[in-house]
Amino acid sequence: MTSDSGAGVKLPGHLILEVTRKCNFHCPFCYCVWHEFPELARRDLSTREWMRILDFVLANGADDLLFTGGEALMRRDIRELIVYARRRAPKCRLAIFTNGARMNEDFLRFFRRHKVFISTSLPGLSTYPAMTGSRRSFKRILAMIARANELKWPVSVSLTATSANRHEFADLFCAAAIAGAASIQAGAAMLAGQARLHPEITISRAEWENLKQRIRELPDLKVSYNFGDEMLCECREHRPEDLAAFGRPDRQPCGAGERFGVIGPSGYFRNCMHTVNNRIHWRDLAAAQPSKIYS
C-alpha cells in the first residue's frame, strides 16, 4: 500500500473508528457529533475503504482500535473488518462498542475468539424505551452481560445520567454489576450531539455530584468503576451560561489528538469525538505534519 502509507505521520495510539452513521436506536443523549454537523456522515465508507484506513493507521502508530458508530453491528461486514484488523496486527488491542440490540451468542463467541473487548451501554431500566427510542427491554442487555461472564469474556458497561433516568441511576449501576459487568464507567450526558440539540435531557453539575455520592454509598458489588466528570468538551467553544452550569471547577485541557483520535463514517479524522475542529480526510493525513494533526 504505497500511496496510503503516510510515511512520517504519527497518529495517536488509540483511535476510535466510527464505521457507520446508521443506528437502530434514537438515544436523546447520543453524543455523535454528526447530529449537529451532518456533513461528517453523508455516507458510509465501503469495506475496501475501511481496509485501506486500517492499513494506514496500523502502519502509523495506532495500536488500540475501537470500532463504534452509530451502531457498529449494523455493518454487514463488521466481522470481515475485525478479522482483517486482527490479521494485520495480531498484538493490537481491538474493542467494539455496541448498544447490544444485535448481540447474540455467535457474536459473543466471535469477539472472544478474535480477542475483541466488548463495551455496551445500559441507559435505563423503566426508562430504557425512552432512552433508546425503541420498544426493546433492558433485560436483553443484562442477559448478554451475564452470558459473556459465563464465557469468561469481559463486557464493560457505560451508564449515562440524564434528567429522565436519574431517579434510577443507582439501580442501573446495581443491575450492571450484578449481571457480571467487568467494569462500569458512569457519566452525565454531555452537551454535544443530540444533547446539544435537546439540552433538557442534561442534568446539572450538582445533580451529577449527588448521583456519584449515591453510588459511592452502595454496598460493595465487587466491580471496578470510574466516573467520567466531563460534561463539556474542552475542545469546543461554549456559552458562558453553559460553562457555569456544566463546566468543571478544575478544567483540564482535552487530551484529544494526543492520546486518541477519531475517524468518522465518511473518512474524516478529528481530534475529538465531540468537535469538528481541524478535521482532515484520512487520505490527506499522509501529507500532513504531526503539528497539523494535533493542533
C-alpha atoms as a PDB file:
ATOM      1  CA  MET A   1       0.000   0.000   0.000  1.00  0.00           C
ATOM      2  CA  THR A   2       2.325   2.720  -1.180  1.00  0.00           C
ATOM      3  CA  SER A   3       0.034   5.665  -1.855  1.00  0.00           C
ATOM      4  CA  ASP A   4      -1.730   5.408   1.521  1.00  0.00           C
ATOM      5  CA  SER A   5       1.235   4.544   3.721  1.00  0.00           C
ATOM      6  CA  GLY A   6       1.582   8.053   5.149  1.00  0.00           C
ATOM      7  CA  ALA A   7       5.294   7.669   5.867  1.00  0.00           C
ATOM      8  CA  GLY A   8       6.360  10.082   8.601  1.00  0.00           C
ATOM      9  CA  VAL A   9       2.859  10.623  10.020  1.00  0.00           C
ATOM     10  CA  LYS A  10       2.494   9.751  13.713  1.00  0.00           C
ATOM     11  CA  LEU A  11      -1.072   9.058  14.777  1.00  0.00           C
ATOM     12  CA  PRO A  12      -2.349   8.710  18.343  1.00  0.00           C
ATOM     13  CA  GLY A  13      -2.072   5.164  19.632  1.00  0.00           C
ATOM     14  CA  HIS A  14      -5.784   4.934  20.419  1.00  0.00           C
ATOM     15  CA  LEU A  15      -8.158   5.506  17.512  1.00  0.00           C
ATOM     16  CA  ILE A  16     -11.950   5.450  17.529  1.00  0.00           C
ATOM     17  CA  LEU A  17     -13.326   4.194  14.215  1.00  0.00           C
ATOM     18  CA  GLU A  18     -16.904   5.339  13.639  1.00  0.00           C
ATOM     19  CA  VAL A  19     -17.551   2.747  10.949  1.00  0.00           C
ATOM     20  CA  THR A  20     -21.183   3.686  10.297  1.00  0.00           C
ATOM     21  CA  ARG A  21     -23.611   6.527  10.826  1.00  0.00           C
ATOM     22  CA  LYS A  22     -26.520   4.063  10.989  1.00  0.00           C
ATOM     23  CA  CYS A  23     -28.111   3.167  14.290  1.00  0.00           C
ATOM     24  CA  ASN A  24     -31.180   1.213  15.324  1.00  0.00           C
ATOM     25  CA  PHE A  25     -31.644   3.372  18.425  1.00  0.00           C
ATOM     26  CA  HIS A  26     -32.556   7.036  18.793  1.00  0.00           C
ATOM     27  CA  CYS A  27     -30.958   7.944  22.104  1.00  0.00           C
ATOM     28  CA  PRO A  28     -31.700  11.550  23.117  1.00  0.00           C
ATOM     29  CA  PHE A  29     -28.278  11.832  24.795  1.00  0.00           C
ATOM     30  CA  CYS A  30     -26.255  10.455  21.844  1.00  0.00           C
ATOM     31  CA  TYR A  31     -23.002  12.414  21.599  1.00  0.00           C
ATOM     32  CA  CYS A  32     -22.301  11.594  17.917  1.00  0.00           C
ATOM     33  CA  VAL A  33     -21.308  14.969  16.581  1.00  0.00           C
ATOM     34  CA  TRP A  34     -22.858  14.444  13.151  1.00  0.00           C
ATOM     35  CA  HIS A  35     -26.269  15.113  14.716  1.00  0.00           C
ATOM     36  CA  GLU A  36     -25.023  18.700  14.748  1.00  0.00           C
ATOM     37  CA  PHE A  37     -22.843  18.510  11.638  1.00  0.00           C
ATOM     38  CA  PRO A  38     -24.446  16.088   9.135  1.00  0.00           C
ATOM     39  CA  GLU A  39     -21.679  16.649   6.581  1.00  0.00           C
ATOM     40  CA  LEU A  40     -19.428  14.406   8.680  1.00  0.00           C
ATOM     41  CA  ALA A  41     -21.567  11.366   7.908  1.00  0.00           C
ATOM     42  CA  ARG A  42     -23.045  11.805   4.463  1.00  0.00           C
ATOM     43  CA  ARG A  43     -22.210   8.224   3.523  1.00  0.00           C
ATOM     44  CA  ASP A  44     -20.646   5.112   4.973  1.00  0.00           C
ATOM     45  CA  LEU A  45     -17.332   4.040   3.503  1.00  0.00           C
ATOM     46  CA  SER A  46     -17.063   0.697   1.710  1.00  0.00           C
ATOM     47  CA  THR A  47     -15.361  -2.399   3.067  1.00  0.00           C
ATOM     48  CA  ARG A  48     -12.340  -1.751   0.882  1.00  0.00           C
ATOM     49  CA  GLU A  49     -12.077   1.868   2.027  1.00  0.00           C
ATOM     50  CA  TRP A  50     -12.090   0.838   5.679  1.00  0.00           C
ATOM     51  CA  MET A  51      -9.471  -1.800   4.969  1.00  0.00           C
ATOM     52  CA  ARG A  52      -7.260   0.897   3.456  1.00  0.00           C
ATOM     53  CA  ILE A  53      -7.812   3.001   6.571  1.00  0.00           C
ATOM     54  CA  LEU A  54      -6.828   0.041   8.751  1.00  0.00           C
ATOM     55  CA  ASP A  55      -3.678  -0.422   6.682  1.00  0.00           C
ATOM     56  CA  PHE A  56      -2.861   3.256   7.092  1.00  0.00           C
ATOM     57  CA  VAL A  57      -3.486   3.654  10.823  1.00  0.00           C
ATOM     58  CA  LEU A  58      -1.763   0.399  11.779  1.00  0.00           C
ATOM     59  CA  ALA A  59       1.316   1.458   9.790  1.00  0.00           C
ATOM     60  CA  ASN A  60       1.442   4.839  11.520  1.00  0.00           C
ATOM     61  CA  GLY A  61       1.331   4.326  15.249  1.00  0.00           C
ATOM     62  CA  ALA A  62      -2.163   3.083  16.114  1.00  0.00           C
ATOM     63  CA  ASP A  63      -2.166   0.050  18.394  1.00  0.00           C
ATOM     64  CA  ASP A  64      -5.565   0.357  20.104  1.00  0.00           C
ATOM     65  CA  LEU A  65      -8.676   0.436  17.901  1.00  0.00           C
ATOM     66  CA  LEU A  66     -12.294   0.873  18.980  1.00  0.00           C
ATOM     67  CA  PHE A  67     -14.979   0.039  16.414  1.00  0.00           C
ATOM     68  CA  THR A  68     -18.136   2.022  17.007  1.00  0.00           C
ATOM     69  CA  GLY A  69     -20.809   4.012  15.170  1.00  0.00           C
ATOM     70  CA  GLY A  70     -23.659   4.666  15.046  1.00  0.00           C
ATOM     71  CA  GLU A  71     -24.181   1.032  15.791  1.00  0.00           C
ATOM     72  CA  ALA A  72     -21.172  -0.928  14.557  1.00  0.00           C
ATOM     73  CA  LEU A  73     -23.074  -4.220  14.315  1.00  0.00           C
ATOM     74  CA  MET A  74     -25.315  -2.732  11.622  1.00  0.00           C
ATOM     75  CA  ARG A  75     -22.426  -3.086   9.186  1.00  0.00           C
ATOM     76  CA  ARG A  76     -22.770  -6.406   7.404  1.00  0.00           C
ATOM     77  CA  ASP A  77     -19.000  -6.557   7.031  1.00  0.00           C
ATOM     78  CA  ILE A  78     -18.088  -5.833  10.649  1.00  0.00           C
ATOM     79  CA  ARG A  79     -16.709  -9.354  11.139  1.00  0.00           C
ATOM     80  CA  GLU A  80     -14.667  -9.023   7.959  1.00  0.00           C
ATOM     81  CA  LEU A  81     -13.166  -5.733   9.133  1.00  0.00           C
ATOM     82  CA  ILE A  82     -12.309  -7.144  12.544  1.00  0.00           C
ATOM     83  CA  VAL A  83     -10.717 -10.276  11.083  1.00  0.00           C
ATOM     84  CA  TYR A  84      -8.706  -8.062   8.720  1.00  0.00           C
ATOM     85  CA  ALA A  85      -7.511  -5.822  11.559  1.00  0.00           C
ATOM     86  CA  ARG A  86      -6.564  -8.807  13.704  1.00  0.00           C
ATOM     87  CA  ARG A  87      -4.667 -10.429  10.849  1.00  0.00           C
ATOM     88  CA  ARG A  88      -2.794  -7.193  10.102  1.00  0.00           C
ATOM     89  CA  ALA A  89      -1.950  -6.537  13.760  1.00  0.00           C
ATOM     90  CA  PRO A  90      -2.058  -9.669  15.940  1.00  0.00           C
ATOM     91  CA  LYS A  91      -0.984  -7.750  19.064  1.00  0.00           C
ATOM     92  CA  CYS A  92      -3.199  -4.690  18.566  1.00  0.00           C
ATOM     93  CA  ARG A  93      -5.883  -4.088  21.167  1.00  0.00           C
ATOM     94  CA  LEU A  94      -9.283  -4.315  19.473  1.00  0.00           C
ATOM     95  CA  ALA A  95     -12.592  -3.327  21.039  1.00  0.00           C
ATOM     96  CA  ILE A  96     -16.157  -2.734  19.936  1.00  0.00           C
ATOM     97  CA  PHE A  97     -18.841  -0.501  21.378  1.00  0.00           C
ATOM     98  CA  THR A  98     -22.372  -1.730  20.701  1.00  0.00           C
ATOM     99  CA  ASN A  99     -25.820  -0.911  22.040  1.00  0.00           C
ATOM    100  CA  GLY A 100     -26.343  -4.674  22.278  1.00  0.00           C
ATOM    101  CA  ALA A 101     -29.546  -4.882  20.257  1.00  0.00           C
ATOM    102  CA  ARG A 102     -27.937  -7.196  17.682  1.00  0.00           C
ATOM    103  CA  MET A 103     -25.677  -9.103  20.027  1.00  0.00           C
ATOM    104  CA  ASN A 104     -26.138 -12.858  20.182  1.00  0.00           C
ATOM    105  CA  GLU A 105     -24.239 -15.997  21.115  1.00  0.00           C
ATOM    106  CA  ASP A 106     -22.475 -16.119  17.773  1.00  0.00           C
ATOM    107  CA  PHE A 107     -21.178 -12.561  18.103  1.00  0.00           C
ATOM    108  CA  LEU A 108     -20.043 -13.174  21.691  1.00  0.00           C
ATOM    109  CA  ARG A 109     -18.020 -16.210  20.664  1.00  0.00           C
ATOM    110  CA  PHE A 110     -16.650 -14.399  17.610  1.00  0.00           C
ATOM    111  CA  PHE A 111     -15.402 -11.485  19.709  1.00  0.00           C
ATOM    112  CA  ARG A 112     -13.870 -13.816  22.271  1.00  0.00           C
ATOM    113  CA  ARG A 113     -12.164 -15.849  19.543  1.00  0.00           C
ATOM    114  CA  HIS A 114     -10.607 -12.746  17.972  1.00  0.00           C
ATOM    115  CA  LYS A 115      -9.845 -11.085  21.313  1.00  0.00           C
ATOM    116  CA  VAL A 116     -12.145  -8.108  20.796  1.00  0.00           C
ATOM    117  CA  PHE A 117     -13.141  -6.417  24.038  1.00  0.00           C
ATOM    118  CA  ILE A 118     -16.832  -5.528  24.311  1.00  0.00           C
ATOM    119  CA  SER A 119     -18.352  -2.324  25.647  1.00  0.00           C
ATOM    120  CA  THR A 120     -22.056  -1.622  25.819  1.00  0.00           C
ATOM    121  CA  SER A 121     -24.458   0.833  27.429  1.00  0.00           C
ATOM    122  CA  LEU A 122     -27.323   0.469  29.865  1.00  0.00           C
ATOM    123  CA  PRO A 123     -29.252   3.730  29.542  1.00  0.00           C
ATOM    124  CA  GLY A 124     -32.279   2.791  31.606  1.00  0.00           C
ATOM    125  CA  LEU A 125     -34.474   0.211  33.298  1.00  0.00           C
ATOM    126  CA  SER A 126     -38.024   1.539  33.314  1.00  0.00           C
ATOM    127  CA  THR A 127     -36.727   4.362  31.109  1.00  0.00           C
ATOM    128  CA  TYR A 128     -34.981   2.063  28.620  1.00  0.00           C
ATOM    129  CA  PRO A 129     -37.560   2.550  25.797  1.00  0.00           C
ATOM    130  CA  ALA A 130     -37.486   6.330  26.209  1.00  0.00           C
ATOM    131  CA  MET A 131     -33.701   6.429  26.446  1.00  0.00           C
ATOM    132  CA  THR A 132     -33.260   4.337  23.278  1.00  0.00           C
ATOM    133  CA  GLY A 133     -36.263   5.434  21.226  1.00  0.00           C
ATOM    134  CA  SER A 134     -37.163   1.776  20.839  1.00  0.00           C
ATOM    135  CA  ARG A 135     -39.548  -0.861  22.158  1.00  0.00           C
ATOM    136  CA  ARG A 136     -36.743  -3.056  23.425  1.00  0.00           C
ATOM    137  CA  SER A 137     -36.125  -4.108  27.012  1.00  0.00           C
ATOM    138  CA  PHE A 138     -33.066  -3.674  29.214  1.00  0.00           C
ATOM    139  CA  LYS A 139     -33.301  -7.393  30.022  1.00  0.00           C
ATOM    140  CA  ARG A 140     -31.570  -8.296  26.756  1.00  0.00           C
ATOM    141  CA  ILE A 141     -28.521  -6.241  27.732  1.00  0.00           C
ATOM    142  CA  LEU A 142     -28.310  -7.803  31.176  1.00  0.00           C
ATOM    143  CA  ALA A 143     -28.648 -11.288  29.679  1.00  0.00           C
ATOM    144  CA  MET A 144     -25.841 -10.540  27.228  1.00  0.00           C
ATOM    145  CA  ILE A 145     -23.562  -9.319  30.035  1.00  0.00           C
ATOM    146  CA  ALA A 146     -24.339 -12.431  32.093  1.00  0.00           C
ATOM    147  CA  ARG A 147     -23.681 -14.774  29.173  1.00  0.00           C
ATOM    148  CA  ALA A 148     -20.374 -13.082  28.366  1.00  0.00           C
ATOM    149  CA  ASN A 149     -19.428 -13.502  32.015  1.00  0.00           C
ATOM    150  CA  GLU A 150     -20.168 -17.234  31.722  1.00  0.00           C
ATOM    151  CA  LEU A 151     -17.924 -17.362  28.657  1.00  0.00           C
ATOM    152  CA  LYS A 152     -15.267 -15.550  30.678  1.00  0.00           C
ATOM    153  CA  TRP A 153     -15.097 -12.670  28.224  1.00  0.00           C
ATOM    154  CA  PRO A 154     -15.322  -9.177  29.752  1.00  0.00           C
ATOM    155  CA  VAL A 155     -18.029  -6.650  28.975  1.00  0.00           C
ATOM    156  CA  SER A 156     -17.613  -3.101  30.202  1.00  0.00           C
ATOM    157  CA  VAL A 157     -20.763  -1.048  30.684  1.00  0.00           C
ATOM    158  CA  SER A 158     -21.336   2.674  30.243  1.00  0.00           C
ATOM    159  CA  LEU A 159     -24.043   4.457  32.220  1.00  0.00           C
ATOM    160  CA  THR A 160     -25.197   7.923  31.176  1.00  0.00           C
ATOM    161  CA  ALA A 161     -27.151  10.008  33.661  1.00  0.00           C
ATOM    162  CA  THR A 162     -29.947  12.135  32.208  1.00  0.00           C
ATOM    163  CA  SER A 163     -32.883  14.107  33.532  1.00  0.00           C
ATOM    164  CA  ALA A 164     -35.086  11.117  32.628  1.00  0.00           C
ATOM    165  CA  ASN A 165     -33.167   8.269  34.276  1.00  0.00           C
ATOM    166  CA  ARG A 166     -31.532   9.993  37.248  1.00  0.00           C
ATOM    167  CA  HIS A 167     -34.148   8.573  39.632  1.00  0.00           C
ATOM    168  CA  GLU A 168     -32.989   5.025  38.803  1.00  0.00           C
ATOM    169  CA  PHE A 169     -29.314   5.671  38.160  1.00  0.00           C
ATOM    170  CA  ALA A 170     -28.096   3.806  41.233  1.00  0.00           C
ATOM    171  CA  ASP A 171     -30.336   0.895  40.224  1.00  0.00           C
ATOM    172  CA  LEU A 172     -28.674   0.900  36.788  1.00  0.00           C
ATOM    173  CA  PHE A 173     -25.313   0.571  38.471  1.00  0.00           C
ATOM    174  CA  CYS A 174     -26.509  -2.316  40.639  1.00  0.00           C
ATOM    175  CA  ALA A 175     -28.113  -4.126  37.687  1.00  0.00           C
ATOM    176  CA  ALA A 176     -24.951  -3.927  35.580  1.00  0.00           C
ATOM    177  CA  ALA A 177     -22.756  -5.084  38.471  1.00  0.00           C
ATOM    178  CA  ILE A 178     -24.994  -8.000  39.443  1.00  0.00           C
ATOM    179  CA  ALA A 179     -25.239  -9.138  35.803  1.00  0.00           C
ATOM    180  CA  GLY A 180     -21.465  -9.506  35.744  1.00  0.00           C
ATOM    181  CA  ALA A 181     -20.057  -6.344  34.162  1.00  0.00           C
ATOM    182  CA  ALA A 182     -16.255  -6.407  34.171  1.00  0.00           C
ATOM    183  CA  SER A 183     -16.172  -2.657  34.760  1.00  0.00           C
ATOM    184  CA  ILE A 184     -18.544   0.298  34.780  1.00  0.00           C
ATOM    185  CA  GLN A 185     -17.993   3.830  33.556  1.00  0.00           C
ATOM    186  CA  ALA A 186     -20.599   6.283  34.751  1.00  0.00           C
ATOM    187  CA  GLY A 187     -21.014   9.808  33.475  1.00  0.00           C
ATOM    188  CA  ALA A 188     -23.556  12.537  32.898  1.00  0.00           C
ATOM    189  CA  ALA A 189     -24.936  13.347  29.463  1.00  0.00           C
ATOM    190  CA  MET A 190     -22.539  15.657  27.639  1.00  0.00           C
ATOM    191  CA  LEU A 191     -23.679  18.820  25.933  1.00  0.00           C
ATOM    192  CA  ALA A 192     -22.857  17.500  22.461  1.00  0.00           C
ATOM    193  CA  GLY A 193     -24.640  15.763  19.616  1.00  0.00           C
ATOM    194  CA  GLN A 194     -28.281  15.130  20.413  1.00  0.00           C
ATOM    195  CA  ALA A 195     -27.939  16.596  23.895  1.00  0.00           C
ATOM    196  CA  ARG A 196     -26.817  19.918  22.434  1.00  0.00           C
ATOM    197  CA  LEU A 197     -29.953  19.904  20.317  1.00  0.00           C
ATOM    198  CA  HIS A 198     -32.076  18.804  23.305  1.00  0.00           C
ATOM    199  CA  PRO A 199     -30.374  20.269  26.391  1.00  0.00           C
ATOM    200  CA  GLU A 200     -33.379  19.419  28.557  1.00  0.00           C
ATOM    201  CA  ILE A 201     -32.004  15.869  28.739  1.00  0.00           C
ATOM    202  CA  THR A 202     -28.916  17.030  30.674  1.00  0.00           C
ATOM    203  CA  ILE A 203     -28.508  17.308  34.422  1.00  0.00           C
ATOM    204  CA  SER A 204     -26.632  19.924  36.403  1.00  0.00           C
ATOM    205  CA  ARG A 205     -23.173  19.555  37.866  1.00  0.00           C
ATOM    206  CA  ALA A 206     -24.682  19.483  41.378  1.00  0.00           C
ATOM    207  CA  GLU A 207     -27.128  16.724  40.398  1.00  0.00           C
ATOM    208  CA  TRP A 208     -24.271  14.680  38.975  1.00  0.00           C
ATOM    209  CA  GLU A 209     -22.257  15.023  42.176  1.00  0.00           C
ATOM    210  CA  ASN A 210     -25.282  13.760  44.150  1.00  0.00           C
ATOM    211  CA  LEU A 211     -25.597  10.707  41.885  1.00  0.00           C
ATOM    212  CA  LYS A 212     -21.915   9.937  42.325  1.00  0.00           C
ATOM    213  CA  GLN A 213     -22.316  10.044  46.086  1.00  0.00           C
ATOM    214  CA  ARG A 214     -25.270   7.659  45.939  1.00  0.00           C
ATOM    215  CA  ILE A 215     -23.151   5.142  44.026  1.00  0.00           C
ATOM    216  CA  ARG A 216     -20.277   5.500  46.480  1.00  0.00           C
ATOM    217  CA  GLU A 217     -22.683   4.688  49.317  1.00  0.00           C
ATOM    218  CA  LEU A 218     -23.842   1.421  47.731  1.00  0.00           C
ATOM    219  CA  PRO A 219     -22.695  -1.901  49.217  1.00  0.00           C
ATOM    220  CA  ASP A 220     -19.527  -3.266  47.647  1.00  0.00           C
ATOM    221  CA  LEU A 221     -20.677  -5.041  44.481  1.00  0.00           C
ATOM    222  CA  LYS A 222     -17.195  -6.292  43.573  1.00  0.00           C
ATOM    223  CA  VAL A 223     -16.955  -4.355  40.307  1.00  0.00           C
ATOM    224  CA  SER A 224     -14.407  -1.750  39.286  1.00  0.00           C
ATOM    225  CA  TYR A 225     -15.865   1.582  38.243  1.00  0.00           C
ATOM    226  CA  ASN A 226     -14.923   5.130  37.453  1.00  0.00           C
ATOM    227  CA  PHE A 227     -16.705   8.399  36.943  1.00  0.00           C
ATOM    228  CA  GLY A 228     -16.430  10.498  33.814  1.00  0.00           C
ATOM    229  CA  ASP A 229     -16.821  14.058  35.064  1.00  0.00           C
ATOM    230  CA  GLU A 230     -16.623  15.761  31.683  1.00  0.00           C
ATOM    231  CA  MET A 231     -19.951  17.384  30.811  1.00  0.00           C
ATOM    232  CA  LEU A 232     -18.481  19.833  28.298  1.00  0.00           C
ATOM    233  CA  CYS A 233     -15.726  19.078  25.837  1.00  0.00           C
ATOM    234  CA  GLU A 234     -12.794  21.444  26.252  1.00  0.00           C
ATOM    235  CA  CYS A 235     -12.156  21.212  22.501  1.00  0.00           C
ATOM    236  CA  ARG A 236     -15.205  23.379  21.817  1.00  0.00           C
ATOM    237  CA  GLU A 237     -16.266  26.915  22.457  1.00  0.00           C
ATOM    238  CA  HIS A 238     -19.138  27.238  24.930  1.00  0.00           C
ATOM    239  CA  ARG A 239     -21.513  29.935  26.061  1.00  0.00           C
ATOM    240  CA  PRO A 240     -20.761  31.449  29.488  1.00  0.00           C
ATOM    241  CA  GLU A 241     -24.037  30.104  30.884  1.00  0.00           C
ATOM    242  CA  ASP A 242     -23.147  26.588  29.749  1.00  0.00           C
ATOM    243  CA  LEU A 243     -19.708  26.848  31.326  1.00  0.00           C
ATOM    244  CA  ALA A 244     -21.338  27.980  34.555  1.00  0.00           C
ATOM    245  CA  ALA A 245     -23.814  25.088  34.572  1.00  0.00           C
ATOM    246  CA  PHE A 246     -21.664  22.230  33.286  1.00  0.00           C
ATOM    247  CA  GLY A 247     -18.017  23.247  33.496  1.00  0.00           C
ATOM    248  CA  ARG A 248     -15.583  21.529  35.841  1.00  0.00           C
ATOM    249  CA  PRO A 249     -14.034  23.646  38.589  1.00  0.00           C
ATOM    250  CA  ASP A 250     -10.701  22.006  37.723  1.00  0.00           C
ATOM    251  CA  ARG A 251     -10.956  22.386  33.961  1.00  0.00           C
ATOM    252  CA  GLN A 252      -8.376  20.265  32.190  1.00  0.00           C
ATOM    253  CA  PRO A 253      -7.214  20.587  28.576  1.00  0.00           C
ATOM    254  CA  CYS A 254      -8.712  17.846  26.415  1.00  0.00           C
ATOM    255  CA  GLY A 255      -6.142  15.188  25.538  1.00  0.00           C
ATOM    256  CA  ALA A 256      -7.775  14.502  22.198  1.00  0.00           C
ATOM    257  CA  GLY A 257      -5.365  14.406  19.284  1.00  0.00           C
ATOM    258  CA  GLU A 258      -2.504  13.312  21.515  1.00  0.00           C
ATOM    259  CA  ARG A 259      -3.968  10.392  23.473  1.00  0.00           C
ATOM    260  CA  PHE A 260      -6.633   9.480  20.922  1.00  0.00           C
ATOM    261  CA  GLY A 261      -8.284  10.482  17.666  1.00  0.00           C
ATOM    262  CA  VAL A 262     -11.392   9.678  15.661  1.00  0.00           C
ATOM    263  CA  ILE A 263     -12.092   8.676  12.075  1.00  0.00           C
ATOM    264  CA  GLY A 264     -15.745   9.209  11.214  1.00  0.00           C
ATOM    265  CA  PRO A 265     -18.164   7.428   8.879  1.00  0.00           C
ATOM    266  CA  SER A 266     -17.122   9.485   5.839  1.00  0.00           C
ATOM    267  CA  GLY A 267     -13.396   9.100   6.492  1.00  0.00           C
ATOM    268  CA  TYR A 268     -12.578  12.395   8.239  1.00  0.00           C
ATOM    269  CA  PHE A 269     -10.012  12.347  11.026  1.00  0.00           C
ATOM    270  CA  ARG A 270     -10.954  14.530  14.008  1.00  0.00           C
ATOM    271  CA  ASN A 271      -9.038  15.300  17.166  1.00  0.00           C
ATOM    272  CA  CYS A 272     -12.044  14.546  19.343  1.00  0.00           C
ATOM    273  CA  MET A 273     -15.415  12.793  19.249  1.00  0.00           C
ATOM    274  CA  HIS A 274     -17.223  15.950  20.292  1.00  0.00           C
ATOM    275  CA  THR A 275     -15.820  18.525  17.885  1.00  0.00           C
ATOM    276  CA  VAL A 276     -15.365  19.113  14.162  1.00  0.00           C
ATOM    277  CA  ASN A 277     -12.408  21.470  14.516  1.00  0.00           C
ATOM    278  CA  ASN A 278      -9.299  20.639  12.481  1.00  0.00           C
ATOM    279  CA  ARG A 279     -10.924  17.758  10.641  1.00  0.00           C
ATOM    280  CA  ILE A 280      -8.967  16.342   7.737  1.00  0.00           C
ATOM    281  CA  HIS A 281      -9.715  13.446   5.409  1.00  0.00           C
ATOM    282  CA  TRP A 282      -7.627  10.395   6.185  1.00  0.00           C
ATOM    283  CA  ARG A 283      -6.136  10.384   2.679  1.00  0.00           C
ATOM    284  CA  ASP A 284      -4.727  13.856   3.300  1.00  0.00           C
ATOM    285  CA  LEU A 285      -3.017  12.805   6.522  1.00  0.00           C
ATOM    286  CA  ALA A 286      -0.128  11.354   4.520  1.00  0.00           C
ATOM    287  CA  ALA A 287       0.820  14.912   3.517  1.00  0.00           C
ATOM    288  CA  ALA A 288       0.120  16.454   6.937  1.00  0.00           C
ATOM    289  CA  GLN A 289       2.718  17.326   9.540  1.00  0.00           C
ATOM    290  CA  PRO A 290       2.169  15.952  13.064  1.00  0.00           C
ATOM    291  CA  SER A 291       1.656  19.506  14.341  1.00  0.00           C
ATOM    292  CA  LYS A 292      -1.305  19.822  11.988  1.00  0.00           C
ATOM    293  CA  ILE A 293      -2.812  16.570  13.191  1.00  0.00           C
ATOM    294  CA  TYR A 294      -2.556  17.536  16.859  1.00  0.00           C
ATOM    295  CA  SER A 295      -3.371  21.217  16.584  1.00  0.00           C
END
